[in-house]
Amino acid sequence: MAQDAAMLLITCGCGQRMKVPAEALGKTATCVRCGERLRITVETADPSDWGSDSDLGSPPPSSDQGDVTTSGQDPVHVLRQHGLVDAEAIREASLVQRDIPRKTWDLLIELGHVGVEDFHAIMAKQKGLASIDLPNYNIPREVANLVSPEVANRGVLVPVDRLGRLLTLAMACPLDVEIIGEVEESTGLKVKPMLSRLDDLREVLCRQYGEQTIRDLRRGAPDDGLGEVAPQLKTNPVAQRVFTLESLAPFSQTLDRLAKVTKSSANGSLLQSATETVATDPVATAMLLRVANSEAYGFTGTVDGLGLACTLLGPDGIRTVVESVEAEDYLARDDGIDYAAFWKRAQFCSEAAQTIAGEMHSQVAINAYTAALLHEIGRLAMAAVLPNGYAEIMKGLNPAERTATETKMYQVTAADAGFLLASRWNLPESICEPIRCQRDPMQARSSRDVAAIVALAVHMADAHETGDSPSLDKAEGLLAELGLGPQVLGDVFRETVESASV
């Protein structure tokens, strides 16, 4: 079908759904039910219906040029006209937008569908738009403060000057009349948009607002260990949300069993019973480790195993934790994530790590077991902070595809999120770093032996999940780092598979 015949599906506030031609983007339409006029933008249209050739009746777009962007077109429509994006690209952006309030054109660039230089060149060709060289501008603080950090980051814009009631905005997309209108309404000023390079704007936004974000997030957080996460925390909303998570809901099945244990066991046997009950559940383990590593117990950043955590908490402490947390029946959820497979993978990886450490006669078996058990807890964290789109995006992907897709869509992986969460919860560095470096242990500043054990266990877990055998080529470097022979790979894998099938 020719592009000119493409249609958009728009929805009025009254609930009426209507189809309009794609070229109506940036204009207004009148609702056939209530008579309300609404602007037609990518944000108000359903991207999944782009390209539909249905001839359902639809109201004609308004010809009122006062309701049209500077160039008469929506910025995303401009990209479509130049053949830079298609319906699938817009659909991807819409999935991310379900959880992250970003402009569609900005996400299309972030997702790699549009090059930064191509976008800037297209904007520069629009009539009536002047440019500004932002690095050469000294922006007064009182001018910068006219626009909130949330609006500035979402719109990728920076106020640079005010003359009376005229506010000059440096913008990556001066065609974005929606965000311009939002700034005008919040400031009471008339906006003069000027084109600026996206990279220059990002640098200024990070400098103006990034350090404040770090200061806000650090309140109540550990002072040490933020060096690795600070860059993401400055600019990435997913990283910021994960870092502020106070807790994750544990599996209800584990918590039910733990509650029974705490009620039926005498204090003398409770510690062992509780440890055995929780030891295969990554979320419940993280929950008890988080409490044991809190300042209340005086061992912040040192409790690396569940047995020590339960000993520190004691029978009463374990009961308090169990009774204060609301569990989640993940196995009953139908959101696209296979939580049963997640749980089994965590158990497989932790058992493999423990066996590898045993082959080495290593003293880090507890660290390796714990880090391996928690290696994908970041997936649950991302599902918690991205409740509307993450599960659908991840549905049906294998481990390698998950990591690549997370990087593309959110610029944060589950390993990143797990590291952020573990750091925020004061878990020892010997647990945090192996989670972050689970696919590249050479990046670990410390605990490299634990990181290499976890990476080897993760490689085996990947193979088990996809029904393959672990590749010796991929594992050879890890085996050498750990001083193990090639036969260990097959031996540990078979032993762990057999244990998992029991």
Protein backbone atom coordinates (compact mmCIF):
# COMPACT_ATOMS: atom_id res chain seq x y z
CA MET A 1 0.00 0.00 0.00
CA ALA A 2 1.31 3.48 -0.79
CA GLN A 3 2.40 5.55 2.15
CA ASP A 4 -0.01 8.32 1.22
CA ALA A 5 -2.94 5.98 1.92
CA ALA A 6 -1.77 5.14 5.44
CA MET A 7 -4.25 5.73 8.22
CA LEU A 8 -3.97 6.46 11.93
CA LEU A 9 -6.29 5.42 14.71
CA ILE A 10 -6.93 8.19 17.24
CA THR A 11 -9.02 8.15 20.40
CA CYS A 12 -10.90 11.12 21.84
CA GLY A 13 -11.21 11.72 25.56
CA CYS A 14 -14.85 10.63 25.33
CA GLY A 15 -13.73 7.20 24.12
CA GLN A 16 -14.68 7.63 20.45
CA ARG A 17 -12.14 5.97 18.13
CA MET A 18 -11.62 7.45 14.67
CA LYS A 19 -9.36 6.96 11.67
CA VAL A 20 -7.61 9.83 9.95
CA PRO A 21 -5.06 9.99 7.12
CA ALA A 22 -1.41 9.81 8.20
CA GLU A 23 -0.76 13.20 6.58
CA ALA A 24 -3.09 14.74 9.19
CA LEU A 25 -0.33 14.52 11.82
CA GLY A 26 0.25 17.91 13.45
CA LYS A 27 -3.28 19.12 12.66
CA THR A 28 -6.54 18.89 14.58
CA ALA A 29 -9.68 16.81 14.14
CA THR A 30 -13.23 17.15 15.47
CA CYS A 31 -14.72 14.22 17.36
CA VAL A 32 -17.82 12.83 15.63
CA ARG A 33 -19.41 12.03 19.01
CA CYS A 34 -18.76 14.97 21.34
CA GLY A 35 -17.51 17.65 18.97
CA GLU A 36 -14.25 18.10 20.91
CA ARG A 37 -11.23 19.16 18.86
CA LEU A 38 -8.06 17.16 19.45
CA ARG A 39 -4.54 17.47 18.09
CA ILE A 40 -3.32 14.53 16.00
CA THR A 41 0.18 13.51 17.09
CA VAL A 42 2.07 10.23 17.30
CA GLU A 43 1.51 10.29 21.05
CA THR A 44 -2.29 10.42 20.60
CA ALA A 45 -2.36 7.96 17.70
CA ASP A 46 -2.07 4.18 17.89
CA PRO A 47 1.19 3.23 16.10
CA SER A 48 -0.01 -0.33 15.59
CA ASP A 49 -2.57 0.94 13.11
CA TRP A 50 -0.09 2.77 10.89
CA GLY A 51 -0.33 1.38 7.42
CA SER A 52 -3.94 0.20 7.80
CA ASP A 53 -5.97 0.67 4.64
CA SER A 54 -9.36 0.45 6.29
CA ASP A 55 -11.86 2.88 4.80
CA LEU A 56 -13.84 3.36 8.00
CA GLY A 57 -15.43 6.79 8.17
CA SER A 58 -13.30 9.39 9.88
CA PRO A 59 -13.50 13.13 10.44
CA PRO A 60 -11.38 15.27 8.15
CA PRO A 61 -8.48 17.05 9.80
CA SER A 62 -8.97 20.70 10.52
CA SER A 63 -7.43 23.14 8.09
CA ASP A 64 -6.87 25.67 10.88
CA GLN A 65 -3.23 26.53 10.32
CA GLY A 66 -3.02 27.98 13.81
CA ASP A 67 -3.10 24.41 15.10
CA VAL A 68 -0.23 23.19 12.94
CA THR A 69 3.45 22.87 13.84
CA THR A 70 6.06 25.32 12.57
CA SER A 71 6.48 23.30 9.41
CA GLY A 72 2.89 22.09 9.35
CA GLN A 73 3.92 18.54 10.26
CA ASP A 74 4.53 16.36 13.28
CA PRO A 75 8.27 15.63 13.75
CA VAL A 76 7.75 11.87 13.46
CA HIS A 77 5.76 12.39 10.29
CA VAL A 78 8.71 14.36 8.92
CA LEU A 79 10.92 11.33 9.64
CA ARG A 80 8.44 9.09 7.83
CA GLN A 81 8.40 11.41 4.85
CA HIS A 82 12.16 11.07 4.60
CA GLY A 83 11.90 7.28 4.79
CA LEU A 84 13.83 7.02 8.08
CA VAL A 85 11.21 5.22 10.20
CA ASP A 86 8.41 2.75 9.63
CA ALA A 87 5.49 1.34 11.60
CA GLU A 88 7.64 -1.25 13.39
CA ALA A 89 10.06 1.40 14.60
CA ILE A 90 7.21 3.48 15.97
CA ARG A 91 5.72 0.39 17.62
CA GLU A 92 9.01 -0.24 19.44
CA ALA A 93 9.08 3.34 20.66
CA SER A 94 5.48 3.05 21.86
CA LEU A 95 6.34 -0.02 23.97
CA VAL A 96 9.06 1.91 25.78
CA GLN A 97 6.74 4.91 26.18
CA ARG A 98 4.34 2.79 28.19
CA ASP A 99 6.71 3.15 31.13
CA ILE A 100 9.07 6.00 30.26
CA PRO A 101 7.73 9.47 29.36
CA ARG A 102 10.01 10.24 26.42
CA LYS A 103 9.21 11.92 23.12
CA THR A 104 8.72 9.52 20.22
CA TRP A 105 11.33 11.16 18.00
CA ASP A 106 13.86 10.99 20.86
CA LEU A 107 13.20 7.28 21.43
CA LEU A 108 13.52 6.58 17.70
CA ILE A 109 17.03 8.02 17.89
CA GLU A 110 17.81 6.17 21.14
CA LEU A 111 16.63 2.87 19.67
CA GLY A 112 18.90 3.31 16.66
CA HIS A 113 16.21 3.82 14.03
CA VAL A 114 17.36 7.35 13.24
CA GLY A 115 20.93 8.62 13.25
CA VAL A 116 21.69 11.72 15.30
CA GLU A 117 23.30 13.51 12.36
CA ASP A 118 20.45 12.54 10.02
CA PHE A 119 17.90 13.90 12.49
CA HIS A 120 19.80 17.17 12.94
CA ALA A 121 20.17 17.58 9.17
CA ILE A 122 16.43 17.13 8.66
CA MET A 123 15.61 19.64 11.39
CA ALA A 124 18.08 22.14 9.90
CA LYS A 125 16.21 21.99 6.58
CA GLN A 126 12.92 23.12 8.13
CA LYS A 127 11.97 26.64 7.16
CA GLY A 128 12.02 29.41 9.72
CA LEU A 129 14.28 27.64 12.25
CA ALA A 130 17.43 29.35 13.50
CA SER A 131 20.29 27.43 15.12
CA ILE A 132 22.29 28.03 18.28
CA ASP A 133 25.75 26.75 19.21
CA LEU A 134 25.04 25.69 22.78
CA PRO A 135 28.63 25.01 23.97
CA ASN A 136 29.43 28.70 23.47
CA TYR A 137 26.51 29.83 25.63
CA ASN A 138 26.69 30.72 29.32
CA ILE A 139 23.22 30.02 30.68
CA PRO A 140 22.23 32.00 33.80
CA ARG A 141 20.94 29.80 36.61
CA GLU A 142 17.74 31.85 36.93
CA VAL A 143 16.98 31.15 33.25
CA ALA A 144 17.73 27.43 33.52
CA ASN A 145 15.40 27.18 36.52
CA LEU A 146 12.44 28.45 34.47
CA VAL A 147 11.88 24.92 33.17
CA SER A 148 11.67 21.87 35.42
CA PRO A 149 14.29 19.10 35.03
CA GLU A 150 11.52 16.63 34.11
CA VAL A 151 10.26 18.78 31.22
CA ALA A 152 13.77 19.70 30.08
CA ASN A 153 14.89 16.06 29.94
CA ARG A 154 11.68 14.79 28.39
CA GLY A 155 11.66 17.47 25.72
CA VAL A 156 15.46 17.52 25.30
CA LEU A 157 15.54 21.30 25.60
CA VAL A 158 17.42 23.96 27.54
CA PRO A 159 16.27 27.54 28.26
CA VAL A 160 19.14 29.82 27.23
CA ASP A 161 17.85 33.38 27.42
CA ARG A 162 14.92 35.50 28.52
CA LEU A 163 14.11 38.93 27.13
CA GLY A 164 10.98 40.34 28.71
CA ARG A 165 8.26 37.80 28.04
CA LEU A 166 10.22 36.01 25.32
CA LEU A 167 12.00 32.77 26.33
CA THR A 168 14.58 31.30 23.96
CA LEU A 169 14.77 27.51 24.03
CA ALA A 170 17.60 25.46 22.56
CA MET A 171 15.90 22.31 21.26
CA ALA A 172 16.89 19.18 19.41
CA CYS A 173 13.43 19.18 17.83
CA PRO A 174 12.00 22.70 17.42
CA LEU A 175 9.00 21.18 15.61
CA ASP A 176 7.72 19.72 18.87
CA VAL A 177 4.83 22.10 19.45
CA GLU A 178 3.43 20.00 22.28
CA ILE A 179 6.43 20.50 24.53
CA ILE A 180 6.67 24.14 23.44
CA GLY A 181 3.07 24.65 24.50
CA GLU A 182 3.79 22.93 27.81
CA VAL A 183 6.70 25.29 28.51
CA GLU A 184 4.65 28.33 27.54
CA GLU A 185 1.82 27.27 29.83
CA SER A 186 4.11 26.58 32.81
CA THR A 187 6.20 29.74 32.45
CA GLY A 188 3.63 32.18 31.11
CA LEU A 189 6.21 33.21 28.49
CA LYS A 190 6.28 33.12 24.72
CA VAL A 191 8.80 30.55 23.46
CA LYS A 192 11.24 31.14 20.64
CA PRO A 193 12.59 27.70 19.62
CA MET A 194 16.11 27.36 18.22
CA LEU A 195 17.78 24.26 16.85
CA SER A 196 20.72 22.81 18.78
CA ARG A 197 22.66 19.59 18.45
CA LEU A 198 21.35 16.67 20.47
CA ASP A 199 24.72 15.74 21.95
CA ASP A 200 25.31 19.31 23.13
CA LEU A 201 21.90 19.39 24.78
CA ARG A 202 22.47 16.05 26.51
CA GLU A 203 25.76 17.27 27.91
CA VAL A 204 24.19 20.46 29.30
CA LEU A 205 21.22 18.57 30.74
CA CYS A 206 23.51 16.08 32.46
CA ARG A 207 25.62 18.89 33.87
CA GLN A 208 22.65 20.94 35.07
CA TYR A 209 20.48 18.18 36.49
CA GLY A 210 22.59 15.01 36.72
CA GLU A 211 24.51 15.88 39.88
CA GLN A 212 21.31 16.90 41.64
CA THR A 213 19.79 13.54 40.71
CA ILE A 214 22.77 11.74 42.23
CA ARG A 215 22.48 13.77 45.43
CA ASP A 216 18.77 12.99 45.69
CA LEU A 217 19.28 9.26 45.11
CA ARG A 218 22.17 9.05 47.56
CA ARG A 219 19.96 10.06 50.47
CA GLY A 220 19.82 6.99 52.64
CA ALA A 221 22.03 5.07 50.21
CA PRO A 222 25.53 3.73 50.88
CA ASP A 223 28.38 6.19 50.38
CA ASP A 224 30.69 3.59 48.87
CA GLY A 225 30.37 1.75 45.57
CA LEU A 226 28.52 4.43 43.60
CA GLY A 227 31.41 4.98 41.24
CA GLU A 228 30.18 2.20 38.93
CA VAL A 229 26.54 3.26 38.88
CA ALA A 230 26.83 7.05 38.91
CA PRO A 231 26.88 7.53 35.10
CA GLN A 232 23.64 5.58 34.66
CA LEU A 233 22.01 7.20 37.68
CA LYS A 234 22.63 10.66 36.24
CA THR A 235 20.67 10.17 33.05
CA ASN A 236 18.85 6.84 32.87
CA PRO A 237 15.32 6.75 34.32
CA VAL A 238 15.26 2.94 34.55
CA ALA A 239 18.48 2.90 36.57
CA GLN A 240 17.10 5.64 38.82
CA ARG A 241 13.89 3.73 39.48
CA VAL A 242 15.70 0.47 40.23
CA PHE A 243 18.08 2.22 42.62
CA THR A 244 15.18 3.55 44.68
CA LEU A 245 13.42 0.18 45.04
CA GLU A 246 12.99 -0.54 48.73
CA SER A 247 12.02 -4.16 48.23
CA LEU A 248 10.78 -6.81 45.82
CA ALA A 249 7.82 -9.02 46.60
CA PRO A 250 9.11 -12.56 47.33
CA PHE A 251 7.49 -15.64 45.84
CA SER A 252 4.36 -16.44 47.83
CA GLN A 253 5.14 -20.17 47.72
CA THR A 254 8.41 -19.61 49.58
CA LEU A 255 6.95 -17.17 52.05
CA ASP A 256 4.08 -19.53 52.85
CA ARG A 257 6.55 -22.31 53.61
CA LEU A 258 8.73 -19.94 55.62
CA ALA A 259 5.73 -18.76 57.64
CA LYS A 260 4.88 -22.37 58.50
CA VAL A 261 8.46 -23.03 59.53
CA THR A 262 8.61 -20.01 61.82
CA LYS A 263 5.38 -21.06 63.54
CA SER A 264 6.13 -24.76 63.93
CA SER A 265 9.87 -24.79 64.60
CA ALA A 266 11.47 -24.28 67.96
CA ASN A 267 14.05 -21.53 68.15
CA GLY A 268 16.87 -24.05 68.13
CA SER A 269 15.89 -25.58 64.79
CA LEU A 270 14.34 -22.49 63.21
CA LEU A 271 17.57 -21.08 61.83
CA GLN A 272 18.42 -24.24 59.91
CA SER A 273 14.83 -24.76 58.74
CA ALA A 274 14.50 -21.15 57.57
CA THR A 275 17.81 -21.28 55.73
CA GLU A 276 16.87 -24.49 53.92
CA THR A 277 13.46 -23.06 53.00
CA VAL A 278 14.79 -19.83 51.53
CA ALA A 279 18.07 -21.08 50.04
CA THR A 280 16.67 -21.76 46.55
CA ASP A 281 14.59 -18.58 46.23
CA PRO A 282 16.55 -15.55 44.94
CA VAL A 283 14.01 -12.95 46.07
CA ALA A 284 13.54 -14.25 49.61
CA THR A 285 17.31 -14.66 49.94
CA ALA A 286 17.86 -11.06 48.83
CA MET A 287 15.16 -9.92 51.25
CA LEU A 288 16.89 -11.48 54.28
CA LEU A 289 20.35 -10.38 53.12
CA ARG A 290 19.09 -6.81 52.71
CA VAL A 291 17.81 -6.73 56.29
CA ALA A 292 20.95 -8.39 57.70
CA ASN A 293 23.15 -5.86 55.86
CA SER A 294 21.18 -2.87 57.11
CA GLU A 295 22.71 -0.46 59.60
CA ALA A 296 20.48 -1.85 62.34
CA TYR A 297 22.65 -4.96 62.69
CA GLY A 298 26.03 -3.24 62.40
CA PHE A 299 27.37 -5.49 59.63
CA THR A 300 26.61 -3.32 56.58
CA GLY A 301 28.15 -4.71 53.41
CA THR A 302 29.62 -7.84 55.01
CA VAL A 303 26.85 -10.47 55.23
CA ASP A 304 27.38 -12.60 52.12
CA GLY A 305 25.44 -15.78 52.86
CA LEU A 306 21.96 -16.77 53.92
CA GLY A 307 23.16 -18.82 56.90
CA LEU A 308 24.95 -15.84 58.43
CA ALA A 309 21.97 -13.60 57.67
CA CYS A 310 19.57 -15.92 59.50
CA THR A 311 21.98 -16.21 62.43
CA LEU A 312 22.19 -12.41 62.75
CA LEU A 313 18.44 -11.94 62.45
CA GLY A 314 17.65 -14.68 64.91
CA PRO A 315 14.27 -16.41 65.24
CA ASP A 316 12.41 -13.24 66.17
CA GLY A 317 14.01 -11.23 63.38
CA ILE A 318 13.14 -13.86 60.79
CA ARG A 319 9.54 -13.93 62.00
CA THR A 320 9.36 -10.12 61.82
CA VAL A 321 10.63 -10.06 58.24
CA VAL A 322 8.27 -12.81 57.13
CA GLU A 323 5.23 -11.14 58.68
CA SER A 324 6.04 -7.66 57.34
CA VAL A 325 6.44 -8.48 53.65
CA GLU A 326 3.63 -8.94 51.14
CA ALA A 327 4.34 -11.85 48.82
CA GLU A 328 3.52 -12.24 45.14
CA ASP A 329 2.20 -15.34 43.40
CA TYR A 330 4.45 -14.94 40.39
CA LEU A 331 3.56 -18.36 39.03
CA ALA A 332 -0.04 -17.21 38.56
CA ARG A 333 0.95 -14.11 36.60
CA ASP A 334 0.47 -14.04 32.84
CA ASP A 335 2.51 -11.04 31.74
CA GLY A 336 4.97 -12.67 29.36
CA ILE A 337 7.74 -13.57 31.82
CA ASP A 338 8.16 -17.26 32.65
CA TYR A 339 8.69 -16.94 36.40
CA ALA A 340 8.90 -20.69 36.92
CA ALA A 341 11.80 -20.80 34.45
CA PHE A 342 13.34 -17.79 36.19
CA TRP A 343 13.24 -19.60 39.51
CA LYS A 344 14.64 -22.84 38.08
CA ARG A 345 17.41 -20.93 36.31
CA ALA A 346 18.46 -19.26 39.57
CA GLN A 347 18.61 -22.64 41.31
CA PHE A 348 20.55 -24.22 38.44
CA CYS A 349 23.08 -21.39 38.32
CA SER A 350 23.65 -21.34 42.08
CA GLU A 351 24.18 -25.12 42.26
CA ALA A 352 26.59 -24.99 39.31
CA ALA A 353 28.54 -22.16 40.95
CA GLN A 354 28.79 -24.06 44.22
CA THR A 355 30.04 -27.16 42.41
CA ILE A 356 32.62 -25.17 40.44
CA ALA A 357 33.91 -23.61 43.66
CA GLY A 358 34.15 -27.12 45.11
CA GLU A 359 36.25 -28.26 42.14
CA MET A 360 38.63 -25.39 42.94
CA HIS A 361 38.65 -26.17 46.67
CA SER A 362 37.89 -22.45 46.94
CA GLN A 363 36.95 -20.53 50.07
CA VAL A 364 34.46 -18.38 48.11
CA ALA A 365 31.76 -21.03 47.67
CA ILE A 366 29.23 -19.07 49.75
CA ASN A 367 29.83 -15.87 47.79
CA ALA A 368 29.62 -17.74 44.49
CA TYR A 369 26.40 -19.52 45.46
CA THR A 370 24.74 -16.29 46.62
CA ALA A 371 25.82 -14.19 43.64
CA ALA A 372 24.74 -16.91 41.20
CA LEU A 373 21.37 -17.32 42.94
CA LEU A 374 20.80 -13.55 42.62
CA HIS A 375 22.35 -13.14 39.17
CA GLU A 376 19.03 -12.34 37.45
CA ILE A 377 17.20 -10.58 40.25
CA GLY A 378 17.56 -7.48 38.11
CA ARG A 379 14.95 -8.93 35.73
CA LEU A 380 12.36 -8.81 38.49
CA ALA A 381 13.49 -5.29 39.37
CA MET A 382 13.04 -4.14 35.78
CA ALA A 383 9.63 -5.82 35.59
CA ALA A 384 8.68 -3.97 38.79
CA VAL A 385 9.74 -0.51 37.59
CA LEU A 386 8.56 -1.08 33.99
CA PRO A 387 5.19 -2.72 34.63
CA ASN A 388 3.53 -1.90 31.31
CA GLY A 389 5.97 -2.82 28.57
CA TYR A 390 9.00 -4.77 29.82
CA ALA A 391 7.37 -8.20 30.07
CA GLU A 392 5.88 -7.93 26.59
CA ILE A 393 9.21 -6.86 25.12
CA MET A 394 11.03 -9.77 26.80
CA LYS A 395 8.45 -12.41 25.91
CA GLY A 396 9.92 -15.50 24.26
CA LEU A 397 13.53 -14.24 24.11
CA ASN A 398 16.52 -16.42 24.92
CA PRO A 399 19.22 -15.17 27.35
CA ALA A 400 21.41 -13.54 24.69
CA GLU A 401 18.41 -11.90 23.05
CA ARG A 402 17.18 -10.60 26.41
CA THR A 403 20.47 -8.86 27.13
CA ALA A 404 20.68 -7.34 23.64
CA THR A 405 17.06 -6.18 23.75
CA GLU A 406 17.40 -4.64 27.21
CA THR A 407 20.46 -2.75 26.04
CA LYS A 408 18.68 -1.48 22.95
CA MET A 409 15.34 -0.58 24.52
CA TYR A 410 16.41 0.68 27.96
CA GLN A 411 20.22 1.07 27.91
CA VAL A 412 20.16 -0.98 31.13
CA THR A 413 20.45 -4.77 31.35
CA ALA A 414 19.15 -7.10 34.03
CA ALA A 415 22.76 -7.49 35.20
CA ASP A 416 23.03 -3.70 35.55
CA ALA A 417 19.74 -3.57 37.43
CA GLY A 418 20.77 -6.41 39.73
CA PHE A 419 24.01 -4.62 40.56
CA LEU A 420 22.15 -1.37 41.24
CA LEU A 421 19.69 -3.13 43.50
CA ALA A 422 22.32 -5.10 45.40
CA SER A 423 24.42 -1.96 45.87
CA ARG A 424 21.44 0.02 47.12
CA TRP A 425 20.62 -2.77 49.59
CA ASN A 426 24.17 -2.72 51.03
CA LEU A 427 25.05 -6.24 49.89
CA PRO A 428 28.80 -7.03 49.91
CA GLU A 429 30.90 -6.11 46.90
CA SER A 430 31.71 -9.81 46.54
CA ILE A 431 28.04 -10.28 45.61
CA CYS A 432 27.38 -7.03 43.73
CA GLU A 433 30.30 -7.16 41.30
CA PRO A 434 29.79 -10.76 40.12
CA ILE A 435 26.14 -9.88 39.37
CA ARG A 436 27.25 -6.91 37.24
CA CYS A 437 30.12 -8.80 35.56
CA GLN A 438 28.31 -12.10 35.04
CA ARG A 439 29.11 -12.07 31.31
CA ASP A 440 32.49 -10.35 31.49
CA PRO A 441 34.23 -11.11 34.79
CA MET A 442 37.41 -9.34 33.66
CA GLN A 443 35.56 -6.07 34.36
CA ALA A 444 35.43 -6.85 38.07
CA ARG A 445 37.66 -4.62 40.17
CA SER A 446 37.64 -7.14 43.00
CA SER A 447 36.20 -10.63 43.62
CA ARG A 448 37.30 -11.63 40.13
CA ASP A 449 37.41 -15.29 41.10
CA VAL A 450 33.77 -15.15 42.25
CA ALA A 451 32.82 -13.24 39.10
CA ALA A 452 34.52 -15.87 36.92
CA ILE A 453 32.75 -18.72 38.76
CA VAL A 454 29.39 -16.99 38.32
CA ALA A 455 30.13 -16.26 34.64
CA LEU A 456 30.91 -19.95 34.04
CA ALA A 457 27.72 -20.97 35.86
CA VAL A 458 25.73 -18.43 33.83
CA HIS A 459 27.16 -19.90 30.62
CA MET A 460 25.94 -23.33 31.72
CA ALA A 461 22.53 -21.94 32.72
CA ASP A 462 22.18 -20.32 29.28
CA ALA A 463 22.89 -23.65 27.60
CA HIS A 464 20.47 -25.49 29.87
CA GLU A 465 17.72 -22.93 29.23
CA THR A 466 18.05 -23.22 25.45
CA GLY A 467 18.47 -27.01 25.50
CA ASP A 468 22.07 -26.93 24.26
CA SER A 469 25.40 -28.08 25.64
CA PRO A 470 27.78 -25.43 26.99
CA SER A 471 30.37 -24.31 24.44
CA LEU A 472 33.98 -25.06 25.36
CA ASP A 473 35.15 -22.26 23.06
CA LYS A 474 33.16 -19.69 25.05
CA ALA A 475 34.13 -21.20 28.41
CA GLU A 476 37.85 -21.77 27.72
CA GLY A 477 38.96 -18.38 29.01
CA LEU A 478 36.88 -18.73 32.18
CA LEU A 479 38.27 -22.19 32.89
CA ALA A 480 41.81 -20.88 32.44
CA GLU A 481 41.09 -17.95 34.77
CA LEU A 482 39.90 -20.40 37.42
CA GLY A 483 42.73 -22.89 36.84
CA LEU A 484 40.34 -25.64 35.78
CA GLY A 485 40.68 -28.20 33.00
CA PRO A 486 38.22 -28.44 30.08
CA GLN A 487 36.66 -31.65 31.43
CA VAL A 488 35.23 -29.69 34.38
CA LEU A 489 32.77 -27.92 32.07
CA GLY A 490 31.03 -31.12 31.01
CA ASP A 491 31.28 -32.78 34.41
CA VAL A 492 29.74 -29.89 36.34
CA PHE A 493 27.08 -29.34 33.69
CA ARG A 494 25.95 -32.98 33.73
CA GLU A 495 25.96 -33.10 37.52
CA THR A 496 23.87 -29.93 37.78
CA VAL A 497 21.41 -31.10 35.10
CA GLU A 498 20.93 -34.38 36.94
CA SER A 499 20.39 -32.56 40.23
CA ALA A 500 17.89 -30.18 38.62
CA SER A 501 15.87 -33.07 37.16
CA VAL A 502 15.43 -34.79 40.52
